[in-house]
């Protein structure tokens, strides 16, 4: 193949060399981004706490808004996990562990499972860790009634975006699930995070009673978890995403074609730390989040690829199954229309 030019779209793998020049973080910029996130987060926490003495109804809205800053904290933790935030790996790992206490996410456990997500995303033969469970039409139809019911419940918006995030961050993250036998380091990550949380919350309750936990900590965490899970969902669950069996699967094709470019209005883009530029992130995860807009400015082909608007993303909630024949996600209703009712009992 000749050298790609303006009239010859690059293949997914060819983008890696192009994107490599954007990988170096700026220490000054990273420190600024961290401070511009942590300081408002702590300030809103303090403001919500002070508001408790005035009215509970005043404290809760402040806590809900602060959930958006917690989303940004998670996104910075995410960059630390990809070794893209600071040049010094030890520094960013310890920053990631500290942020993991705020996000209720054991850093070393999450980093390992998330690396598996990047290494296996879009591979139908390697599903199960770090992704939203997605069945093919054939797999769903081969299940019995109970199995189909369980999958329908799992994919229901109430479970995916309301109950699921709270379960994930408040309960599931307390143990290194998926890595239970992978070594002491993951247990130390989970239990160390739990201990830090217990000390913080215990001290809070000791000095101020349960209301800061109930009316500030929980609303902030639940909003952040819900928004975070939604962002993760729309990054890969859109109609023309990319899945393939292991013998056909290719890492870079899955990264580019299987990840969306989520178009968000500006302050949401800032609060989500450009995580919507997810197709570029999956192509080259070592790029700091604050350099992703630079790439879109320099490369129109990437700026126009995989675009998903806010309105279009809402329709993705109705997509549930991967149709291997049509190579796209379809709804339960569409699968039934195309293939008839499942015959399994």
Foldseek 3Di string as FASTA:
>chain_A
DDDDDPVRDDDLLVCLVVCPVQQAADLVVLVVLVCVLVVVLVVLLVVLVVCVVVPLVVSQVSLLVSLLSLLLLVLLLLLLLLVRRHVDNVVSQVSSLVNCLLLLALSVLCSVLVVLCLVCPQAPVRDDTPAQDAAALVVLLQDAPVVVVVLVVCLACCCQQQVVLCCVRVPVRLASPPCNPVDVVRVCSNVVSVVVNCVVQVVCCVVPNCSSCVRRVVSSNRSNSNVNSLLRCLQAQAWQAHHDHPVPDDSSCNLQRRGAQEDDDPVSCSSNLSCSLRSVCSSPVSRHSVCSVVVCVVDVVSVPGRYAYPVRSVVSSQFGHQHPVVNTTHHPVVSCVVPNHRPHD
